[in-house]
Amino acid sequence: MLYAIVAEDAPGSLTKRLAARPAHLERLKALQDAGRLVLAGPMPAIDSPDPGPAGFSGSLIVAEFPSLADAQAWADADPYVAAGVYARVTVRPFKKVLPA
């Protein structure tokens, strides 16, 4: 089943985000290589594709996991969590409707 992982960045965490980014992307690449990643990306803190020093307000990941518990465990092990980038992470079941 698909799960949406919605994470909210802690205030002032851009430096931590940049430092942990390679490890974070490595985990996402593994999901992609396994054919389980639907989409992933950050949410700019301002209305710009490159927010510069304004940074990001969070991230969204939609991926396939065997269960909600597995999706939560994967999210809990994210390098952004360990680095203190994310202040809060919510994992919910997700049903993709479009595009088909």
PDB file of N, CA and C in Angstrom:
ATOM      1  N   MET A   1       0.842  -1.179   0.000  1.00  0.00           N
ATOM      2  CA  MET A   1       0.000   0.000   0.000  1.00  0.00           C
ATOM      3  C   MET A   1       0.890   1.245   0.000  1.00  0.00           C
ATOM      4  N   LEU A   2       0.318   2.338  -0.500  1.00  0.00           N
ATOM      5  CA  LEU A   2       1.048   3.606  -0.494  1.00  0.00           C
ATOM      6  C   LEU A   2       0.830   4.347   0.818  1.00  0.00           C
ATOM      7  N   TYR A   3       1.865   5.101   1.209  1.00  0.00           N
ATOM      8  CA  TYR A   3       1.814   5.923   2.415  1.00  0.00           C
ATOM      9  C   TYR A   3       2.403   7.288   2.107  1.00  0.00           C
ATOM     10  N   ALA A   4       1.771   8.319   2.660  1.00  0.00           N
ATOM     11  CA  ALA A   4       2.280   9.690   2.551  1.00  0.00           C
ATOM     12  C   ALA A   4       3.024  10.007   3.839  1.00  0.00           C
ATOM     13  N   ILE A   5       4.252  10.428   3.673  1.00  0.00           N
ATOM     14  CA  ILE A   5       5.077  10.850   4.798  1.00  0.00           C
ATOM     15  C   ILE A   5       5.213  12.363   4.669  1.00  0.00           C
ATOM     16  N   VAL A   6       4.621  13.077   5.620  1.00  0.00           N
ATOM     17  CA  VAL A   6       4.633  14.533   5.600  1.00  0.00           C
ATOM     18  C   VAL A   6       5.455  14.996   6.796  1.00  0.00           C
ATOM     19  N   ALA A   7       6.525  15.700   6.505  1.00  0.00           N
ATOM     20  CA  ALA A   7       7.428  16.147   7.564  1.00  0.00           C
ATOM     21  C   ALA A   7       7.470  17.674   7.605  1.00  0.00           C
ATOM     22  N   GLU A   8       7.529  18.199   8.813  1.00  0.00           N
ATOM     23  CA  GLU A   8       7.637  19.645   9.016  1.00  0.00           C
ATOM     24  C   GLU A   8       9.018  19.948   9.578  1.00  0.00           C
ATOM     25  N   ASP A   9       9.709  20.889   8.932  1.00  0.00           N
ATOM     26  CA  ASP A   9      11.051  21.258   9.382  1.00  0.00           C
ATOM     27  C   ASP A   9      11.013  22.053  10.681  1.00  0.00           C
ATOM     28  N   ALA A  10      12.023  21.845  11.496  1.00  0.00           N
ATOM     29  CA  ALA A  10      12.222  22.661  12.689  1.00  0.00           C
ATOM     30  C   ALA A  10      12.709  24.038  12.240  1.00  0.00           C
ATOM     31  N   PRO A  11      12.356  25.093  12.953  1.00  0.00           N
ATOM     32  CA  PRO A  11      12.844  26.427  12.594  1.00  0.00           C
ATOM     33  C   PRO A  11      14.378  26.461  12.592  1.00  0.00           C
ATOM     34  N   GLY A  12      14.931  27.126  11.598  1.00  0.00           N
ATOM     35  CA  GLY A  12      16.378  27.310  11.529  1.00  0.00           C
ATOM     36  C   GLY A  12      17.175  26.049  11.239  1.00  0.00           C
ATOM     37  N   SER A  13      16.560  25.077  10.574  1.00  0.00           N
ATOM     38  CA  SER A  13      17.239  23.792  10.363  1.00  0.00           C
ATOM     39  C   SER A  13      17.885  23.644   8.979  1.00  0.00           C
ATOM     40  N   LEU A  14      17.982  24.712   8.215  1.00  0.00           N
ATOM     41  CA  LEU A  14      18.507  24.603   6.851  1.00  0.00           C
ATOM     42  C   LEU A  14      19.934  24.043   6.826  1.00  0.00           C
ATOM     43  N   THR A  15      20.801  24.483   7.699  1.00  0.00           N
ATOM     44  CA  THR A  15      22.185  23.988   7.720  1.00  0.00           C
ATOM     45  C   THR A  15      22.207  22.489   8.011  1.00  0.00           C
ATOM     46  N   LYS A  16      21.396  22.049   8.948  1.00  0.00           N
ATOM     47  CA  LYS A  16      21.305  20.625   9.264  1.00  0.00           C
ATOM     48  C   LYS A  16      20.751  19.848   8.070  1.00  0.00           C
ATOM     49  N   ARG A  17      19.778  20.421   7.390  1.00  0.00           N
ATOM     50  CA  ARG A  17      19.172  19.783   6.213  1.00  0.00           C
ATOM     51  C   ARG A  17      20.219  19.578   5.131  1.00  0.00           C
ATOM     52  N   LEU A  18      20.996  20.602   4.861  1.00  0.00           N
ATOM     53  CA  LEU A  18      22.008  20.501   3.809  1.00  0.00           C
ATOM     54  C   LEU A  18      23.065  19.463   4.159  1.00  0.00           C
ATOM     55  N   ALA A  19      23.446  19.387   5.428  1.00  0.00           N
ATOM     56  CA  ALA A  19      24.467  18.421   5.854  1.00  0.00           C
ATOM     57  C   ALA A  19      23.966  16.978   5.748  1.00  0.00           C
ATOM     58  N   ALA A  20      22.708  16.745   6.055  1.00  0.00           N
ATOM     59  CA  ALA A  20      22.155  15.388   6.054  1.00  0.00           C
ATOM     60  C   ALA A  20      21.576  14.981   4.699  1.00  0.00           C
ATOM     61  N   ARG A  21      21.536  15.900   3.758  1.00  0.00           N
ATOM     62  CA  ARG A  21      20.880  15.647   2.468  1.00  0.00           C
ATOM     63  C   ARG A  21      21.429  14.433   1.710  1.00  0.00           C
ATOM     64  N   PRO A  22      22.752  14.245   1.603  1.00  0.00           N
ATOM     65  CA  PRO A  22      23.234  13.073   0.846  1.00  0.00           C
ATOM     66  C   PRO A  22      22.721  11.746   1.404  1.00  0.00           C
ATOM     67  N   ALA A  23      22.716  11.580   2.698  1.00  0.00           N
ATOM     68  CA  ALA A  23      22.222  10.340   3.303  1.00  0.00           C
ATOM     69  C   ALA A  23      20.711  10.202   3.105  1.00  0.00           C
ATOM     70  N   HIS A  24      19.992  11.308   3.209  1.00  0.00           N
ATOM     71  CA  HIS A  24      18.548  11.304   2.985  1.00  0.00           C
ATOM     72  C   HIS A  24      18.242  10.875   1.551  1.00  0.00           C
ATOM     73  N   LEU A  25      18.940  11.457   0.588  1.00  0.00           N
ATOM     74  CA  LEU A  25      18.710  11.123  -0.820  1.00  0.00           C
ATOM     75  C   LEU A  25      19.089   9.679  -1.132  1.00  0.00           C
ATOM     76  N   GLU A  26      20.099   9.163  -0.463  1.00  0.00           N
ATOM     77  CA  GLU A  26      20.517   7.774  -0.671  1.00  0.00           C
ATOM     78  C   GLU A  26      19.375   6.812  -0.320  1.00  0.00           C
ATOM     79  N   ARG A  27      18.677   7.078   0.774  1.00  0.00           N
ATOM     80  CA  ARG A  27      17.553   6.237   1.169  1.00  0.00           C
ATOM     81  C   ARG A  27      16.401   6.342   0.168  1.00  0.00           C
ATOM     82  N   LEU A  28      16.151   7.562  -0.321  1.00  0.00           N
ATOM     83  CA  LEU A  28      15.098   7.744  -1.321  1.00  0.00           C
ATOM     84  C   LEU A  28      15.458   7.031  -2.621  1.00  0.00           C
ATOM     85  N   LYS A  29      16.715   7.075  -2.992  1.00  0.00           N
ATOM     86  CA  LYS A  29      17.174   6.406  -4.212  1.00  0.00           C
ATOM     87  C   LYS A  29      16.968   4.896  -4.092  1.00  0.00           C
ATOM     88  N   ALA A  30      17.189   4.357  -2.896  1.00  0.00           N
ATOM     89  CA  ALA A  30      16.966   2.921  -2.695  1.00  0.00           C
ATOM     90  C   ALA A  30      15.492   2.566  -2.891  1.00  0.00           C
ATOM     91  N   LEU A  31      14.586   3.419  -2.393  1.00  0.00           N
ATOM     92  CA  LEU A  31      13.153   3.206  -2.627  1.00  0.00           C
ATOM     93  C   LEU A  31      12.835   3.280  -4.124  1.00  0.00           C
ATOM     94  N   GLN A  32      13.433   4.253  -4.800  1.00  0.00           N
ATOM     95  CA  GLN A  32      13.209   4.419  -6.231  1.00  0.00           C
ATOM     96  C   GLN A  32      13.713   3.184  -6.994  1.00  0.00           C
ATOM     97  N   ASP A  33      14.915   2.739  -6.661  1.00  0.00           N
ATOM     98  CA  ASP A  33      15.491   1.576  -7.343  1.00  0.00           C
ATOM     99  C   ASP A  33      14.646   0.322  -7.134  1.00  0.00           C
ATOM    100  N   ALA A  34      13.954   0.246  -6.002  1.00  0.00           N
ATOM    101  CA  ALA A  34      13.086  -0.895  -5.709  1.00  0.00           C
ATOM    102  C   ALA A  34      11.701  -0.734  -6.338  1.00  0.00           C
ATOM    103  N   GLY A  35      11.459   0.384  -7.032  1.00  0.00           N
ATOM    104  CA  GLY A  35      10.174   0.633  -7.668  1.00  0.00           C
ATOM    105  C   GLY A  35       9.063   0.999  -6.696  1.00  0.00           C
ATOM    106  N   ARG A  36       9.423   1.498  -5.507  1.00  0.00           N
ATOM    107  CA  ARG A  36       8.440   1.787  -4.462  1.00  0.00           C
ATOM    108  C   ARG A  36       8.182   3.274  -4.259  1.00  0.00           C
ATOM    109  N   LEU A  37       8.965   4.138  -4.883  1.00  0.00           N
ATOM    110  CA  LEU A  37       8.820   5.583  -4.685  1.00  0.00           C
ATOM    111  C   LEU A  37       7.902   6.181  -5.742  1.00  0.00           C
ATOM    112  N   VAL A  38       6.859   6.889  -5.293  1.00  0.00           N
ATOM    113  CA  VAL A  38       5.942   7.574  -6.212  1.00  0.00           C
ATOM    114  C   VAL A  38       6.431   8.993  -6.430  1.00  0.00           C
ATOM    115  N   LEU A  39       6.745   9.697  -5.339  1.00  0.00           N
ATOM    116  CA  LEU A  39       7.282  11.051  -5.438  1.00  0.00           C
ATOM    117  C   LEU A  39       7.928  11.438  -4.118  1.00  0.00           C
ATOM    118  N   ALA A  40       8.824  12.396  -4.203  1.00  0.00           N
ATOM    119  CA  ALA A  40       9.485  12.898  -2.997  1.00  0.00           C
ATOM    120  C   ALA A  40      10.053  14.274  -3.301  1.00  0.00           C
ATOM    121  N   GLY A  41       9.996  15.150  -2.313  1.00  0.00           N
ATOM    122  CA  GLY A  41      10.600  16.459  -2.491  1.00  0.00           C
ATOM    123  C   GLY A  41      10.338  17.372  -1.310  1.00  0.00           C
ATOM    124  N   PRO A  42      11.113  18.457  -1.263  1.00  0.00           N
ATOM    125  CA  PRO A  42      10.957  19.426  -0.189  1.00  0.00           C
ATOM    126  C   PRO A  42       9.891  20.461  -0.524  1.00  0.00           C
ATOM    127  N   MET A  43       9.416  21.132   0.515  1.00  0.00           N
ATOM    128  CA  MET A  43       8.450  22.224   0.348  1.00  0.00           C
ATOM    129  C   MET A  43       9.172  23.536   0.671  1.00  0.00           C
ATOM    130  N   PRO A  44       9.435  24.366  -0.345  1.00  0.00           N
ATOM    131  CA  PRO A  44      10.107  25.636  -0.086  1.00  0.00           C
ATOM    132  C   PRO A  44       9.328  26.495   0.911  1.00  0.00           C
ATOM    133  N   ALA A  45      10.063  27.203   1.745  1.00  0.00           N
ATOM    134  CA  ALA A  45       9.435  28.059   2.757  1.00  0.00           C
ATOM    135  C   ALA A  45       8.821  29.321   2.147  1.00  0.00           C
ATOM    136  N   ILE A  46       9.231  29.637   0.919  1.00  0.00           N
ATOM    137  CA  ILE A  46       8.673  30.786   0.205  1.00  0.00           C
ATOM    138  C   ILE A  46       8.233  30.325  -1.182  1.00  0.00           C
ATOM    139  N   ASP A  47       7.506  31.145  -1.877  1.00  0.00           N
ATOM    140  CA  ASP A  47       6.981  30.802  -3.193  1.00  0.00           C
ATOM    141  C   ASP A  47       8.070  30.945  -4.249  1.00  0.00           C
ATOM    142  N   SER A  48       8.999  29.960  -4.239  1.00  0.00           N
ATOM    143  CA  SER A  48      10.119  29.979  -5.162  1.00  0.00           C
ATOM    144  C   SER A  48      10.696  28.573  -5.259  1.00  0.00           C
ATOM    145  N   PRO A  49      11.072  28.133  -6.468  1.00  0.00           N
ATOM    146  CA  PRO A  49      11.684  26.806  -6.577  1.00  0.00           C
ATOM    147  C   PRO A  49      13.055  26.744  -5.901  1.00  0.00           C
ATOM    148  N   ASP A  50      13.715  27.895  -5.749  1.00  0.00           N
ATOM    149  CA  ASP A  50      14.989  27.964  -5.037  1.00  0.00           C
ATOM    150  C   ASP A  50      14.839  28.996  -3.921  1.00  0.00           C
ATOM    151  N   PRO A  51      14.472  28.552  -2.714  1.00  0.00           N
ATOM    152  CA  PRO A  51      14.184  29.502  -1.646  1.00  0.00           C
ATOM    153  C   PRO A  51      15.407  30.133  -1.008  1.00  0.00           C
ATOM    154  N   GLY A  52      16.606  29.708  -1.416  1.00  0.00           N
ATOM    155  CA  GLY A  52      17.816  30.288  -0.855  1.00  0.00           C
ATOM    156  C   GLY A  52      17.841  30.168   0.658  1.00  0.00           C
ATOM    157  N   PRO A  53      18.247  31.231   1.348  1.00  0.00           N
ATOM    158  CA  PRO A  53      18.375  31.162   2.800  1.00  0.00           C
ATOM    159  C   PRO A  53      17.053  31.012   3.549  1.00  0.00           C
ATOM    160  N   ALA A  54      15.918  31.220   2.858  1.00  0.00           N
ATOM    161  CA  ALA A  54      14.619  30.995   3.512  1.00  0.00           C
ATOM    162  C   ALA A  54      14.421  29.519   3.828  1.00  0.00           C
ATOM    163  N   GLY A  55      15.073  28.656   3.046  1.00  0.00           N
ATOM    164  CA  GLY A  55      15.033  27.226   3.306  1.00  0.00           C
ATOM    165  C   GLY A  55      13.711  26.571   2.965  1.00  0.00           C
ATOM    166  N   PHE A  56      13.387  25.559   3.735  1.00  0.00           N
ATOM    167  CA  PHE A  56      12.239  24.715   3.446  1.00  0.00           C
ATOM    168  C   PHE A  56      11.362  24.584   4.685  1.00  0.00           C
ATOM    169  N   SER A  57      10.084  24.346   4.439  1.00  0.00           N
ATOM    170  CA  SER A  57       9.153  24.177   5.558  1.00  0.00           C
ATOM    171  C   SER A  57       8.906  22.709   5.867  1.00  0.00           C
ATOM    172  N   GLY A  58       9.343  21.817   4.982  1.00  0.00           N
ATOM    173  CA  GLY A  58       9.154  20.396   5.218  1.00  0.00           C
ATOM    174  C   GLY A  58       9.368  19.587   3.961  1.00  0.00           C
ATOM    175  N   SER A  59       8.888  18.344   4.002  1.00  0.00           N
ATOM    176  CA  SER A  59       9.058  17.416   2.890  1.00  0.00           C
ATOM    177  C   SER A  59       7.808  16.559   2.731  1.00  0.00           C
ATOM    178  N   LEU A  60       7.638  16.041   1.517  1.00  0.00           N
ATOM    179  CA  LEU A  60       6.568  15.096   1.228  1.00  0.00           C
ATOM    180  C   LEU A  60       7.168  13.909   0.490  1.00  0.00           C
ATOM    181  N   ILE A  61       6.850  12.713   0.980  1.00  0.00           N
ATOM    182  CA  ILE A  61       7.274  11.472   0.337  1.00  0.00           C
ATOM    183  C   ILE A  61       6.030  10.597   0.213  1.00  0.00           C
ATOM    184  N   VAL A  62       5.813  10.052  -0.974  1.00  0.00           N
ATOM    185  CA  VAL A  62       4.763   9.056  -1.167  1.00  0.00           C
ATOM    186  C   VAL A  62       5.459   7.815  -1.697  1.00  0.00           C
ATOM    187  N   ALA A  63       5.324   6.720  -0.953  1.00  0.00           N
ATOM    188  CA  ALA A  63       6.016   5.492  -1.321  1.00  0.00           C
ATOM    189  C   ALA A  63       5.223   4.278  -0.853  1.00  0.00           C
ATOM    190  N   GLU A  64       5.583   3.137  -1.409  1.00  0.00           N
ATOM    191  CA  GLU A  64       4.925   1.881  -1.067  1.00  0.00           C
ATOM    192  C   GLU A  64       5.685   1.173   0.052  1.00  0.00           C
ATOM    193  N   PHE A  65       4.924   0.716   1.038  1.00  0.00           N
ATOM    194  CA  PHE A  65       5.468  -0.062   2.142  1.00  0.00           C
ATOM    195  C   PHE A  65       4.505  -1.202   2.436  1.00  0.00           C
ATOM    196  N   PRO A  66       4.981  -2.286   3.056  1.00  0.00           N
ATOM    197  CA  PRO A  66       4.103  -3.407   3.380  1.00  0.00           C
ATOM    198  C   PRO A  66       2.997  -3.056   4.375  1.00  0.00           C
ATOM    199  N   SER A  67       3.280  -2.083   5.265  1.00  0.00           N
ATOM    200  CA  SER A  67       2.299  -1.737   6.292  1.00  0.00           C
ATOM    201  C   SER A  67       2.561  -0.331   6.805  1.00  0.00           C
ATOM    202  N   LEU A  68       1.604   0.200   7.536  1.00  0.00           N
ATOM    203  CA  LEU A  68       1.775   1.500   8.180  1.00  0.00           C
ATOM    204  C   LEU A  68       2.947   1.466   9.155  1.00  0.00           C
ATOM    205  N   ALA A  69       3.079   0.380   9.892  1.00  0.00           N
ATOM    206  CA  ALA A  69       4.193   0.253  10.839  1.00  0.00           C
ATOM    207  C   ALA A  69       5.537   0.300  10.111  1.00  0.00           C
ATOM    208  N   ASP A  70       5.631  -0.353   8.954  1.00  0.00           N
ATOM    209  CA  ASP A  70       6.877  -0.323   8.175  1.00  0.00           C
ATOM    210  C   ASP A  70       7.165   1.078   7.651  1.00  0.00           C
ATOM    211  N   ALA A  71       6.139   1.766   7.185  1.00  0.00           N
ATOM    212  CA  ALA A  71       6.316   3.138   6.690  1.00  0.00           C
ATOM    213  C   ALA A  71       6.763   4.049   7.827  1.00  0.00           C
ATOM    214  N   GLN A  72       6.165   3.884   9.005  1.00  0.00           N
ATOM    215  CA  GLN A  72       6.537   4.706  10.159  1.00  0.00           C
ATOM    216  C   GLN A  72       7.975   4.417  10.584  1.00  0.00           C
ATOM    217  N   ALA A  73       8.360   3.151  10.595  1.00  0.00           N
ATOM    218  CA  ALA A  73       9.730   2.786  10.962  1.00  0.00           C
ATOM    219  C   ALA A  73      10.727   3.376   9.974  1.00  0.00           C
ATOM    220  N   TRP A  74      10.392   3.336   8.681  1.00  0.00           N
ATOM    221  CA  TRP A  74      11.277   3.906   7.662  1.00  0.00           C
ATOM    222  C   TRP A  74      11.412   5.419   7.891  1.00  0.00           C
ATOM    223  N   ALA A  75      10.292   6.085   8.130  1.00  0.00           N
ATOM    224  CA  ALA A  75      10.318   7.535   8.360  1.00  0.00           C
ATOM    225  C   ALA A  75      11.102   7.875   9.622  1.00  0.00           C
ATOM    226  N   ASP A  76      10.932   7.097  10.668  1.00  0.00           N
ATOM    227  CA  ASP A  76      11.640   7.354  11.927  1.00  0.00           C
ATOM    228  C   ASP A  76      13.153   7.227  11.784  1.00  0.00           C
ATOM    229  N   ALA A  77      13.601   6.410  10.815  1.00  0.00           N
ATOM    230  CA  ALA A  77      15.032   6.186  10.608  1.00  0.00           C
ATOM    231  C   ALA A  77      15.661   7.164   9.616  1.00  0.00           C
ATOM    232  N   ASP A  78      14.901   8.151   9.163  1.00  0.00           N
ATOM    233  CA  ASP A  78      15.423   9.105   8.179  1.00  0.00           C
ATOM    234  C   ASP A  78      16.561   9.930   8.772  1.00  0.00           C
ATOM    235  N   PRO A  79      17.615  10.167   8.006  1.00  0.00           N
ATOM    236  CA  PRO A  79      18.714  11.001   8.489  1.00  0.00           C
ATOM    237  C   PRO A  79      18.282  12.415   8.889  1.00  0.00           C
ATOM    238  N   TYR A  80      17.230  12.932   8.275  1.00  0.00           N
ATOM    239  CA  TYR A  80      16.740  14.253   8.671  1.00  0.00           C
ATOM    240  C   TYR A  80      16.161  14.222  10.088  1.00  0.00           C
ATOM    241  N   VAL A  81      15.577  13.108  10.482  1.00  0.00           N
ATOM    242  CA  VAL A  81      15.079  12.964  11.855  1.00  0.00           C
ATOM    243  C   VAL A  81      16.259  12.963  12.815  1.00  0.00           C
ATOM    244  N   ALA A  82      17.259  12.138  12.524  1.00  0.00           N
ATOM    245  CA  ALA A  82      18.444  12.032  13.390  1.00  0.00           C
ATOM    246  C   ALA A  82      19.187  13.358  13.510  1.00  0.00           C
ATOM    247  N   ALA A  83      19.192  14.146  12.427  1.00  0.00           N
ATOM    248  CA  ALA A  83      19.921  15.422  12.419  1.00  0.00           C
ATOM    249  C   ALA A  83      19.136  16.562  13.044  1.00  0.00           C
ATOM    250  N   GLY A  84      17.860  16.325  13.369  1.00  0.00           N
ATOM    251  CA  GLY A  84      17.044  17.390  13.953  1.00  0.00           C
ATOM    252  C   GLY A  84      16.457  18.347  12.939  1.00  0.00           C
ATOM    253  N   VAL A  85      16.409  17.929  11.671  1.00  0.00           N
ATOM    254  CA  VAL A  85      15.800  18.762  10.628  1.00  0.00           C
ATOM    255  C   VAL A  85      14.286  18.798  10.809  1.00  0.00           C
ATOM    256  N   TYR A  86      13.699  17.634  11.025  1.00  0.00           N
ATOM    257  CA  TYR A  86      12.249  17.538  11.140  1.00  0.00           C
ATOM    258  C   TYR A  86      11.796  17.744  12.582  1.00  0.00           C
ATOM    259  N   ALA A  87      10.840  18.617  12.757  1.00  0.00           N
ATOM    260  CA  ALA A  87      10.221  18.825  14.067  1.00  0.00           C
ATOM    261  C   ALA A  87       9.084  17.834  14.278  1.00  0.00           C
ATOM    262  N   ARG A  88       8.442  17.439  13.165  1.00  0.00           N
ATOM    263  CA  ARG A  88       7.299  16.531  13.252  1.00  0.00           C
ATOM    264  C   ARG A  88       7.165  15.751  11.950  1.00  0.00           C
ATOM    265  N   VAL A  89       6.842  14.474  12.073  1.00  0.00           N
ATOM    266  CA  VAL A  89       6.641  13.618  10.904  1.00  0.00           C
ATOM    267  C   VAL A  89       5.324  12.864  11.087  1.00  0.00           C
ATOM    268  N   THR A  90       4.474  12.937  10.059  1.00  0.00           N
ATOM    269  CA  THR A  90       3.194  12.246  10.072  1.00  0.00           C
ATOM    270  C   THR A  90       3.183  11.245   8.924  1.00  0.00           C
ATOM    271  N   VAL A  91       2.762  10.022   9.215  1.00  0.00           N
ATOM    272  CA  VAL A  91       2.672   8.979   8.192  1.00  0.00           C
ATOM    273  C   VAL A  91       1.218   8.528   8.122  1.00  0.00           C
ATOM    274  N   ARG A  92       0.677   8.543   6.898  1.00  0.00           N
ATOM    275  CA  ARG A  92      -0.725   8.165   6.702  1.00  0.00           C
ATOM    276  C   ARG A  92      -0.874   7.303   5.454  1.00  0.00           C
ATOM    277  N   PRO A  93      -1.840   6.392   5.467  1.00  0.00           N
ATOM    278  CA  PRO A  93      -2.141   5.658   4.231  1.00  0.00           C
ATOM    279  C   PRO A  93      -2.552   6.644   3.134  1.00  0.00           C
ATOM    280  N   PHE A  94      -2.221   6.285   1.897  1.00  0.00           N
ATOM    281  CA  PHE A  94      -2.486   7.171   0.765  1.00  0.00           C
ATOM    282  C   PHE A  94      -3.043   6.334  -0.386  1.00  0.00           C
ATOM    283  N   LYS A  95      -4.093   6.829  -1.014  1.00  0.00           N
ATOM    284  CA  LYS A  95      -4.656   6.158  -2.173  1.00  0.00           C
ATOM    285  C   LYS A  95      -4.480   7.052  -3.397  1.00  0.00           C
ATOM    286  N   LYS A  96      -3.661   6.592  -4.320  1.00  0.00           N
ATOM    287  CA  LYS A  96      -3.427   7.341  -5.556  1.00  0.00           C
ATOM    288  C   LYS A  96      -4.605   7.124  -6.499  1.00  0.00           C
ATOM    289  N   VAL A  97      -5.157   8.229  -7.004  1.00  0.00           N
ATOM    290  CA  VAL A  97      -6.258   8.158  -7.955  1.00  0.00           C
ATOM    291  C   VAL A  97      -5.786   8.606  -9.345  1.00  0.00           C
ATOM    292  N   LEU A  98      -5.104   9.732  -9.402  1.00  0.00           N
ATOM    293  CA  LEU A  98      -4.604  10.266 -10.672  1.00  0.00           C
ATOM    294  C   LEU A  98      -3.163  10.709 -10.528  1.00  0.00           C
ATOM    295  N   PRO A  99      -2.386  10.671 -11.554  1.00  0.00           N
ATOM    296  CA  PRO A  99      -2.717  10.044 -12.846  1.00  0.00           C
ATOM    297  C   PRO A  99      -2.807   8.537 -12.698  1.00  0.00           C
ATOM    298  N   ALA A 100      -3.626   7.963 -13.559  1.00  0.00           N
ATOM    299  CA  ALA A 100      -3.863   6.497 -13.508  1.00  0.00           C
ATOM    300  C   ALA A 100      -2.667   5.751 -14.032  1.00  0.00           C
TER     301      ALA A 100
END
